[in-house]
């Protein structure tokens, strides 16, 4: 009888190991399938760090931004949308990252907006603002991600302050 119990325990142990091995293999396949999914959308735009869409080319559009929001020379908006109470505009600035950063920061200050945060790094920059005639706040994210060497991707968010 002891031999029957031992061999039953061994068979149960082998069956359990096979189940775990099968489940582990299935999990590995699932993870690999998820990793293989992804990429840009149909229009060739990709999400950059921080969620900014790369919109370095396309037809010009007029975004819904505050009436006193700065209009920069060299700035072209190519995509605009409203989500809830936020207005979002994507486009590109003709120039380099430092020039875009300086132009946006200066234009916002000249228009009476308060700069609440700003930074410039090697490949990206942000300028956060608050104020204006419509009391809005938001951020301008600049990314050096365009294929064209003389364009900077711009992502503008504007919402009630």
N, C-alpha and C. Protein backbone atom coordinates (compact mmCIF):
# COMPACT_ATOMS: atom_id res chain seq x y z
N UNK A 1 0.81 -1.18 0.00
CA UNK A 1 0.00 0.00 0.00
C UNK A 1 0.86 1.26 0.00
N UNK A 2 1.97 1.22 0.68
CA UNK A 2 2.86 2.37 0.71
C UNK A 2 3.38 2.70 -0.68
N UNK A 3 3.64 1.67 -1.49
CA UNK A 3 4.10 1.89 -2.86
C UNK A 3 3.04 2.55 -3.71
N UNK A 4 1.77 2.22 -3.48
CA UNK A 4 0.68 2.83 -4.24
C UNK A 4 0.53 4.30 -3.89
N UNK A 5 0.69 4.64 -2.63
CA UNK A 5 0.58 6.03 -2.21
C UNK A 5 1.74 6.83 -2.78
N UNK A 6 2.95 6.29 -2.76
CA UNK A 6 4.11 6.98 -3.29
C UNK A 6 3.97 7.22 -4.77
N UNK A 7 3.54 6.22 -5.50
CA UNK A 7 3.44 6.42 -6.93
C UNK A 7 2.31 7.37 -7.28
N UNK A 8 1.23 7.40 -6.51
CA UNK A 8 0.14 8.36 -6.73
C UNK A 8 0.64 9.78 -6.45
N UNK A 9 1.42 9.97 -5.39
CA UNK A 9 1.98 11.28 -5.06
C UNK A 9 2.92 11.76 -6.15
N UNK A 10 3.73 10.87 -6.68
CA UNK A 10 4.66 11.23 -7.76
C UNK A 10 3.88 11.63 -9.01
N UNK A 11 2.86 10.86 -9.36
CA UNK A 11 2.05 11.20 -10.55
C UNK A 11 1.35 12.54 -10.37
N UNK A 12 0.81 12.82 -9.17
CA UNK A 12 0.16 14.10 -8.90
C UNK A 12 1.16 15.24 -9.01
N UNK A 13 2.36 15.03 -8.51
CA UNK A 13 3.40 16.05 -8.57
C UNK A 13 3.79 16.34 -10.03
N UNK A 14 3.92 15.29 -10.83
CA UNK A 14 4.28 15.48 -12.24
C UNK A 14 3.17 16.20 -12.99
N UNK A 15 1.92 15.84 -12.73
CA UNK A 15 0.78 16.50 -13.38
C UNK A 15 0.72 17.97 -12.99
N UNK A 16 0.95 18.28 -11.75
CA UNK A 16 0.92 19.67 -11.28
C UNK A 16 2.03 20.48 -11.95
N UNK A 17 3.21 19.90 -12.05
CA UNK A 17 4.33 20.60 -12.71
C UNK A 17 4.03 20.86 -14.18
N UNK A 18 3.43 19.89 -14.85
CA UNK A 18 3.08 20.07 -16.26
C UNK A 18 2.08 21.20 -16.42
N UNK A 19 1.09 21.26 -15.54
CA UNK A 19 0.09 22.36 -15.61
C UNK A 19 0.76 23.71 -15.42
N UNK A 20 1.65 23.81 -14.43
CA UNK A 20 2.34 25.09 -14.19
C UNK A 20 3.25 25.46 -15.37
N UNK A 21 3.92 24.48 -15.93
CA UNK A 21 4.77 24.76 -17.09
C UNK A 21 3.94 25.25 -18.27
N UNK A 22 2.79 24.62 -18.48
CA UNK A 22 1.90 25.03 -19.56
C UNK A 22 1.39 26.44 -19.34
N UNK A 23 0.97 26.75 -18.10
CA UNK A 23 0.49 28.11 -17.79
C UNK A 23 1.61 29.14 -17.94
N UNK A 24 2.81 28.79 -17.51
CA UNK A 24 3.95 29.71 -17.65
C UNK A 24 4.24 29.97 -19.12
N UNK A 25 4.20 28.92 -19.94
CA UNK A 25 4.41 29.09 -21.38
C UNK A 25 3.35 29.98 -22.00
N UNK A 26 2.11 29.78 -21.59
CA UNK A 26 1.01 30.61 -22.10
C UNK A 26 1.19 32.07 -21.69
N UNK A 27 1.62 32.28 -20.46
CA UNK A 27 1.87 33.65 -19.99
C UNK A 27 2.99 34.31 -20.80
N UNK A 28 4.06 33.58 -21.08
CA UNK A 28 5.16 34.13 -21.87
C UNK A 28 4.67 34.51 -23.27
N UNK A 29 3.87 33.66 -23.89
CA UNK A 29 3.32 33.97 -25.21
C UNK A 29 2.44 35.22 -25.16
N UNK A 30 1.64 35.35 -24.13
CA UNK A 30 0.77 36.52 -23.98
C UNK A 30 1.59 37.80 -23.85
N UNK A 31 2.62 37.76 -23.03
CA UNK A 31 3.48 38.95 -22.84
C UNK A 31 4.18 39.31 -24.15
N UNK A 32 4.67 38.31 -24.87
CA UNK A 32 5.32 38.59 -26.16
C UNK A 32 4.34 39.17 -27.17
N UNK A 33 3.11 38.68 -27.17
CA UNK A 33 2.10 39.22 -28.08
C UNK A 33 1.79 40.67 -27.75
N UNK A 34 1.69 41.00 -26.46
CA UNK A 34 1.46 42.39 -26.07
C UNK A 34 2.62 43.29 -26.47
N UNK A 35 3.82 42.80 -26.31
CA UNK A 35 5.01 43.60 -26.67
C UNK A 35 5.06 43.86 -28.16
N UNK A 36 4.56 42.94 -28.95
CA UNK A 36 4.59 43.10 -30.41
C UNK A 36 3.57 44.11 -30.89
N UNK A 37 2.52 44.35 -30.11
CA UNK A 37 1.50 45.33 -30.49
C UNK A 37 2.03 46.73 -30.23
N UNK A 38 1.48 47.72 -30.93
CA UNK A 38 1.86 49.10 -30.67
C UNK A 38 2.26 49.79 -31.93
N UNK A 39 2.95 50.93 -31.76
CA UNK A 39 3.38 51.73 -32.91
C UNK A 39 2.52 52.97 -33.04
N UNK A 40 2.74 53.71 -34.11
CA UNK A 40 2.01 54.96 -34.36
C UNK A 40 0.62 54.68 -34.88
N UNK A 41 -0.16 55.75 -35.03
CA UNK A 41 -1.50 55.60 -35.56
C UNK A 41 -1.47 55.66 -37.08
N UNK A 42 -2.63 55.67 -37.69
CA UNK A 42 -2.73 55.60 -39.14
C UNK A 42 -2.08 56.78 -39.84
N UNK A 43 -2.04 57.94 -39.21
CA UNK A 43 -1.51 59.14 -39.84
C UNK A 43 -0.01 59.28 -39.62
N UNK A 44 0.61 58.31 -38.97
CA UNK A 44 2.06 58.37 -38.77
C UNK A 44 2.47 59.24 -37.60
N UNK A 45 1.52 59.65 -36.76
CA UNK A 45 1.88 60.41 -35.59
C UNK A 45 2.17 59.44 -34.47
N UNK A 46 3.09 59.81 -33.61
CA UNK A 46 3.45 58.97 -32.48
C UNK A 46 3.30 59.78 -31.22
N UNK A 47 3.06 59.08 -30.14
CA UNK A 47 3.02 59.74 -28.86
C UNK A 47 4.44 59.87 -28.35
N UNK A 48 4.83 61.08 -28.01
CA UNK A 48 6.14 61.30 -27.45
C UNK A 48 6.08 61.23 -25.95
N UNK A 49 7.20 61.47 -25.29
CA UNK A 49 7.25 61.47 -23.84
C UNK A 49 6.30 62.55 -23.32
N UNK A 50 5.52 62.25 -22.32
CA UNK A 50 4.60 63.24 -21.79
C UNK A 50 3.32 63.31 -22.56
N UNK A 51 3.13 62.45 -23.58
CA UNK A 51 1.90 62.42 -24.26
C UNK A 51 1.66 63.34 -25.37
N UNK A 52 2.71 64.15 -25.73
CA UNK A 52 2.60 65.10 -26.81
C UNK A 52 2.60 64.40 -28.12
N UNK A 53 1.64 64.70 -28.97
CA UNK A 53 1.59 64.10 -30.29
C UNK A 53 2.58 64.82 -31.21
N UNK A 54 3.27 64.06 -32.03
CA UNK A 54 4.20 64.65 -32.99
C UNK A 54 3.40 65.06 -34.22
N UNK A 55 3.32 66.34 -34.46
CA UNK A 55 2.54 66.89 -35.58
C UNK A 55 3.41 67.87 -36.34
N UNK A 56 4.45 67.37 -36.98
CA UNK A 56 5.44 68.22 -37.61
C UNK A 56 5.11 68.61 -39.03
N UNK A 57 3.98 68.16 -39.54
CA UNK A 57 3.57 68.55 -40.88
C UNK A 57 2.06 68.39 -40.97
N UNK A 58 1.50 68.92 -42.04
CA UNK A 58 0.06 68.81 -42.23
C UNK A 58 -0.55 70.16 -42.57
N UNK A 59 -1.83 70.14 -42.87
CA UNK A 59 -2.55 71.36 -43.20
C UNK A 59 -2.75 72.20 -41.94
N UNK A 60 -2.68 73.50 -42.11
CA UNK A 60 -2.87 74.41 -40.99
C UNK A 60 -4.32 74.43 -40.55
N UNK A 61 -4.53 74.46 -39.23
CA UNK A 61 -5.86 74.57 -38.64
C UNK A 61 -5.84 75.73 -37.65
N UNK A 62 -7.04 76.20 -37.27
CA UNK A 62 -7.15 77.26 -36.28
C UNK A 62 -7.65 76.64 -34.98
N UNK A 63 -6.80 76.59 -33.96
CA UNK A 63 -7.20 75.97 -32.70
C UNK A 63 -8.10 76.90 -31.88
N UNK A 64 -8.84 76.31 -30.95
CA UNK A 64 -9.66 77.07 -30.03
C UNK A 64 -8.79 77.39 -28.81
N UNK A 65 -8.20 78.57 -28.83
CA UNK A 65 -7.37 79.03 -27.72
C UNK A 65 -7.90 80.39 -27.27
N UNK A 66 -7.52 80.86 -26.09
CA UNK A 66 -8.02 82.15 -25.61
C UNK A 66 -7.78 83.28 -26.62
N UNK A 67 -8.66 84.26 -26.61
CA UNK A 67 -8.57 85.36 -27.58
C UNK A 67 -7.27 86.14 -27.46
N UNK A 68 -6.68 86.21 -26.27
CA UNK A 68 -5.44 86.95 -26.08
C UNK A 68 -4.21 86.02 -26.06
N UNK A 69 -4.38 84.78 -26.48
CA UNK A 69 -3.27 83.83 -26.48
C UNK A 69 -2.26 84.27 -27.54
N UNK A 70 -0.98 84.22 -27.22
CA UNK A 70 0.04 84.69 -28.17
C UNK A 70 0.00 83.95 -29.50
N UNK A 71 0.20 84.69 -30.56
CA UNK A 71 0.34 84.13 -31.91
C UNK A 71 1.80 84.31 -32.31
N UNK A 72 2.52 83.22 -32.40
CA UNK A 72 3.94 83.29 -32.71
C UNK A 72 4.19 83.19 -34.20
N UNK A 73 5.09 84.04 -34.68
CA UNK A 73 5.54 83.91 -36.06
C UNK A 73 6.35 82.62 -36.16
N UNK A 74 6.10 81.83 -37.18
CA UNK A 74 6.78 80.56 -37.35
C UNK A 74 6.05 79.38 -36.73
N UNK A 75 4.89 79.64 -36.12
CA UNK A 75 4.10 78.58 -35.49
C UNK A 75 2.97 78.17 -36.41
N UNK A 76 2.82 76.85 -36.66
CA UNK A 76 1.73 76.31 -37.47
C UNK A 76 1.03 75.22 -36.67
N UNK A 77 -0.26 75.38 -36.46
CA UNK A 77 -1.06 74.34 -35.80
C UNK A 77 -1.59 73.40 -36.86
N UNK A 78 -1.49 72.09 -36.59
CA UNK A 78 -1.94 71.10 -37.56
C UNK A 78 -3.05 70.20 -37.01
N UNK A 79 -3.33 70.32 -35.72
CA UNK A 79 -4.36 69.50 -35.10
C UNK A 79 -4.91 70.24 -33.90
N UNK A 80 -6.23 70.24 -33.75
CA UNK A 80 -6.86 70.89 -32.61
C UNK A 80 -8.06 70.08 -32.16
N UNK A 81 -8.25 69.99 -30.85
CA UNK A 81 -9.39 69.28 -30.30
C UNK A 81 -9.74 69.83 -28.93
N UNK A 82 -10.98 69.62 -28.53
CA UNK A 82 -11.43 69.97 -27.19
C UNK A 82 -11.81 68.67 -26.49
N UNK A 83 -11.33 68.52 -25.28
CA UNK A 83 -11.64 67.36 -24.46
C UNK A 83 -12.13 67.87 -23.12
N UNK A 84 -13.43 67.71 -22.86
CA UNK A 84 -13.99 68.28 -21.63
C UNK A 84 -13.84 69.78 -21.68
N UNK A 85 -13.23 70.35 -20.65
CA UNK A 85 -13.03 71.80 -20.63
C UNK A 85 -11.61 72.20 -21.06
N UNK A 86 -10.87 71.26 -21.61
CA UNK A 86 -9.50 71.54 -22.08
C UNK A 86 -9.48 71.66 -23.60
N UNK A 87 -8.73 72.63 -24.07
CA UNK A 87 -8.49 72.79 -25.51
C UNK A 87 -7.04 72.40 -25.77
N UNK A 88 -6.85 71.57 -26.78
CA UNK A 88 -5.52 71.03 -27.09
C UNK A 88 -5.18 71.35 -28.54
N UNK A 89 -3.97 71.81 -28.76
CA UNK A 89 -3.52 72.12 -30.12
C UNK A 89 -2.12 71.55 -30.30
N UNK A 90 -1.91 70.92 -31.45
CA UNK A 90 -0.60 70.39 -31.81
C UNK A 90 -0.15 71.02 -33.11
N UNK A 91 1.14 71.15 -33.25
CA UNK A 91 1.70 71.70 -34.47
C UNK A 91 3.21 71.73 -34.40
N UNK A 92 3.77 72.68 -35.13
CA UNK A 92 5.22 72.78 -35.15
C UNK A 92 5.64 74.24 -35.21
N UNK A 93 6.86 74.47 -34.73
CA UNK A 93 7.48 75.78 -34.73
C UNK A 93 8.70 75.70 -35.64
N UNK A 94 8.82 76.68 -36.54
CA UNK A 94 9.97 76.75 -37.45
C UNK A 94 11.14 77.33 -36.68
N UNK A 95 12.12 76.51 -36.37
CA UNK A 95 13.29 76.97 -35.63
C UNK A 95 13.84 75.85 -34.78
N UNK A 96 14.70 76.22 -33.84
CA UNK A 96 15.30 75.22 -32.95
C UNK A 96 14.61 75.25 -31.59
N UNK A 97 14.97 74.30 -30.74
CA UNK A 97 14.32 74.15 -29.44
C UNK A 97 14.51 75.38 -28.56
N UNK A 98 15.71 75.88 -28.47
CA UNK A 98 15.97 77.05 -27.63
C UNK A 98 15.20 78.27 -28.14
N UNK A 99 15.15 78.44 -29.45
CA UNK A 99 14.39 79.55 -30.03
C UNK A 99 12.91 79.43 -29.74
N UNK A 100 12.36 78.22 -29.83
CA UNK A 100 10.95 78.00 -29.53
C UNK A 100 10.66 78.28 -28.06
N UNK A 101 11.51 77.79 -27.20
CA UNK A 101 11.36 78.01 -25.75
C UNK A 101 11.37 79.51 -25.43
N UNK A 102 12.38 80.22 -25.93
CA UNK A 102 12.48 81.66 -25.68
C UNK A 102 11.28 82.42 -26.25
N UNK A 103 10.85 82.05 -27.47
CA UNK A 103 9.73 82.74 -28.12
C UNK A 103 8.44 82.55 -27.33
N UNK A 104 8.14 81.32 -26.92
CA UNK A 104 6.90 81.06 -26.18
C UNK A 104 6.92 81.74 -24.81
N UNK A 105 8.02 81.62 -24.10
CA UNK A 105 8.11 82.23 -22.77
C UNK A 105 7.94 83.75 -22.85
N UNK A 106 8.63 84.37 -23.77
CA UNK A 106 8.55 85.81 -23.94
C UNK A 106 7.15 86.25 -24.38
N UNK A 107 6.56 85.53 -25.33
CA UNK A 107 5.23 85.89 -25.85
C UNK A 107 4.16 85.76 -24.77
N UNK A 108 4.25 84.73 -23.95
CA UNK A 108 3.27 84.58 -22.86
C UNK A 108 3.41 85.71 -21.84
N UNK A 109 4.63 86.03 -21.47
CA UNK A 109 4.85 87.13 -20.53
C UNK A 109 4.37 88.45 -21.12
N UNK A 110 4.67 88.70 -22.38
CA UNK A 110 4.24 89.94 -23.03
C UNK A 110 2.72 90.05 -23.11
N UNK A 111 2.03 88.91 -23.19
CA UNK A 111 0.56 88.90 -23.26
C UNK A 111 -0.07 88.96 -21.87
N UNK A 112 0.74 89.04 -20.81
CA UNK A 112 0.22 89.18 -19.46
C UNK A 112 -0.01 87.87 -18.73
N UNK A 113 0.49 86.78 -19.26
CA UNK A 113 0.36 85.49 -18.58
C UNK A 113 1.49 85.31 -17.56
N UNK A 114 1.18 84.65 -16.47
CA UNK A 114 2.19 84.32 -15.47
C UNK A 114 2.82 82.98 -15.85
N UNK A 115 4.14 82.91 -15.82
CA UNK A 115 4.84 81.65 -16.07
C UNK A 115 4.93 80.94 -14.72
N UNK A 116 4.27 79.77 -14.62
CA UNK A 116 4.25 79.03 -13.35
C UNK A 116 5.35 77.98 -13.26
N UNK A 117 5.88 77.59 -14.39
CA UNK A 117 6.97 76.62 -14.44
C UNK A 117 7.57 76.66 -15.84
N UNK A 118 8.88 76.52 -15.91
CA UNK A 118 9.52 76.39 -17.21
C UNK A 118 10.84 75.67 -17.05
N UNK A 119 11.19 74.91 -18.09
CA UNK A 119 12.49 74.26 -18.11
C UNK A 119 12.85 73.95 -19.55
N UNK A 120 14.14 73.90 -19.80
CA UNK A 120 14.62 73.50 -21.11
C UNK A 120 15.71 72.46 -20.90
N UNK A 121 15.60 71.38 -21.65
CA UNK A 121 16.57 70.30 -21.60
C UNK A 121 17.12 70.09 -23.01
N UNK A 122 17.88 69.05 -23.19
CA UNK A 122 18.54 68.83 -24.48
C UNK A 122 17.54 68.60 -25.62
N UNK A 123 16.49 67.78 -25.38
CA UNK A 123 15.57 67.42 -26.45
C UNK A 123 14.14 67.88 -26.23
N UNK A 124 13.85 68.49 -25.09
CA UNK A 124 12.48 68.94 -24.84
C UNK A 124 12.47 70.13 -23.89
N UNK A 125 11.29 70.73 -23.82
CA UNK A 125 11.12 71.91 -22.99
C UNK A 125 9.65 72.05 -22.64
N UNK A 126 9.37 72.69 -21.52
CA UNK A 126 8.00 72.98 -21.13
C UNK A 126 7.92 74.42 -20.61
N UNK A 127 6.78 75.04 -20.90
CA UNK A 127 6.47 76.36 -20.34
C UNK A 127 5.02 76.28 -19.87
N UNK A 128 4.83 76.35 -18.55
CA UNK A 128 3.48 76.32 -17.98
C UNK A 128 3.06 77.76 -17.69
N UNK A 129 1.77 78.03 -17.85
CA UNK A 129 1.28 79.40 -17.73
C UNK A 129 -0.08 79.44 -17.02
N UNK A 130 -0.45 80.65 -16.58
CA UNK A 130 -1.76 80.88 -15.98
C UNK A 130 -2.11 82.36 -16.19
N UNK A 131 -3.41 82.63 -16.41
CA UNK A 131 -3.86 84.01 -16.49
C UNK A 131 -4.53 84.32 -17.81
N UNK A 132 -4.35 85.56 -18.24
CA UNK A 132 -4.96 86.02 -19.48
C UNK A 132 -6.39 86.51 -19.26
N UNK A 133 -6.96 87.03 -20.31
CA UNK A 133 -8.30 87.62 -20.26
C UNK A 133 -9.37 86.59 -19.89
N UNK A 134 -9.15 85.32 -20.24
CA UNK A 134 -10.14 84.28 -19.97
C UNK A 134 -9.76 83.41 -18.78
N UNK A 135 -8.73 83.83 -18.02
CA UNK A 135 -8.23 83.13 -16.84
C UNK A 135 -8.05 81.63 -17.11
N UNK A 136 -7.09 81.34 -17.97
CA UNK A 136 -6.79 79.96 -18.36
C UNK A 136 -5.42 79.56 -17.82
N UNK A 137 -5.19 78.27 -17.75
CA UNK A 137 -3.87 77.75 -17.39
C UNK A 137 -3.56 76.61 -18.34
N UNK A 138 -2.30 76.25 -18.39
CA UNK A 138 -1.92 75.15 -19.27
C UNK A 138 -0.42 75.03 -19.39
N UNK A 139 -0.04 74.27 -20.38
CA UNK A 139 1.38 74.03 -20.60
C UNK A 139 1.65 73.94 -22.10
N UNK A 140 2.81 74.40 -22.47
CA UNK A 140 3.29 74.27 -23.85
C UNK A 140 4.48 73.32 -23.80
N UNK A 141 4.33 72.16 -24.42
CA UNK A 141 5.39 71.16 -24.45
C UNK A 141 6.08 71.22 -25.81
N UNK A 142 7.36 71.37 -25.79
CA UNK A 142 8.17 71.46 -27.01
C UNK A 142 9.07 70.24 -27.08
N UNK A 143 9.08 69.59 -28.22
CA UNK A 143 9.89 68.38 -28.39
C UNK A 143 10.70 68.47 -29.69
N UNK A 144 11.96 68.15 -29.59
CA UNK A 144 12.82 68.12 -30.77
C UNK A 144 12.72 66.73 -31.39
N UNK A 145 11.54 66.42 -31.99
CA UNK A 145 11.26 65.09 -32.52
C UNK A 145 10.91 65.09 -34.01
N UNK A 146 10.86 66.25 -34.62
CA UNK A 146 10.48 66.31 -36.03
C UNK A 146 11.61 65.78 -36.91
N UNK A 147 11.22 65.16 -38.02
CA UNK A 147 12.23 64.68 -38.97
C UNK A 147 12.96 65.86 -39.60
N UNK A 148 12.25 66.96 -39.79
CA UNK A 148 12.88 68.16 -40.33
C UNK A 148 13.74 68.78 -39.24
N UNK A 149 14.98 69.09 -39.54
CA UNK A 149 15.90 69.59 -38.52
C UNK A 149 15.58 71.02 -38.07
N UNK A 150 14.74 71.72 -38.82
CA UNK A 150 14.43 73.10 -38.47
C UNK A 150 13.01 73.26 -37.93
N UNK A 151 12.44 72.19 -37.37
CA UNK A 151 11.10 72.24 -36.80
C UNK A 151 11.07 71.59 -35.42
N UNK A 152 10.27 72.17 -34.56
CA UNK A 152 10.07 71.68 -33.20
C UNK A 152 8.59 71.33 -33.03
N UNK A 153 8.30 70.15 -32.51
CA UNK A 153 6.93 69.74 -32.24
C UNK A 153 6.40 70.55 -31.05
N UNK A 154 5.17 71.06 -31.19
CA UNK A 154 4.56 71.88 -30.14
C UNK A 154 3.21 71.28 -29.76
N UNK A 155 2.98 71.12 -28.45
CA UNK A 155 1.72 70.61 -27.91
C UNK A 155 1.24 71.62 -26.87
N UNK A 156 0.09 72.27 -27.14
CA UNK A 156 -0.45 73.31 -26.26
C UNK A 156 -1.70 72.77 -25.58
N UNK A 157 -1.78 72.92 -24.27
CA UNK A 157 -2.99 72.58 -23.52
C UNK A 157 -3.46 73.83 -22.80
N UNK A 158 -4.76 74.11 -22.90
CA UNK A 158 -5.36 75.28 -22.26
C UNK A 158 -6.65 74.84 -21.58
N UNK A 159 -6.78 75.19 -20.30
CA UNK A 159 -7.97 74.82 -19.52
C UNK A 159 -8.29 75.94 -18.53
N UNK A 160 -9.50 75.96 -17.99
CA UNK A 160 -9.83 76.98 -17.00
C UNK A 160 -8.86 76.92 -15.81
N UNK A 161 -8.43 78.08 -15.34
CA UNK A 161 -7.49 78.13 -14.20
C UNK A 161 -8.19 77.81 -12.91
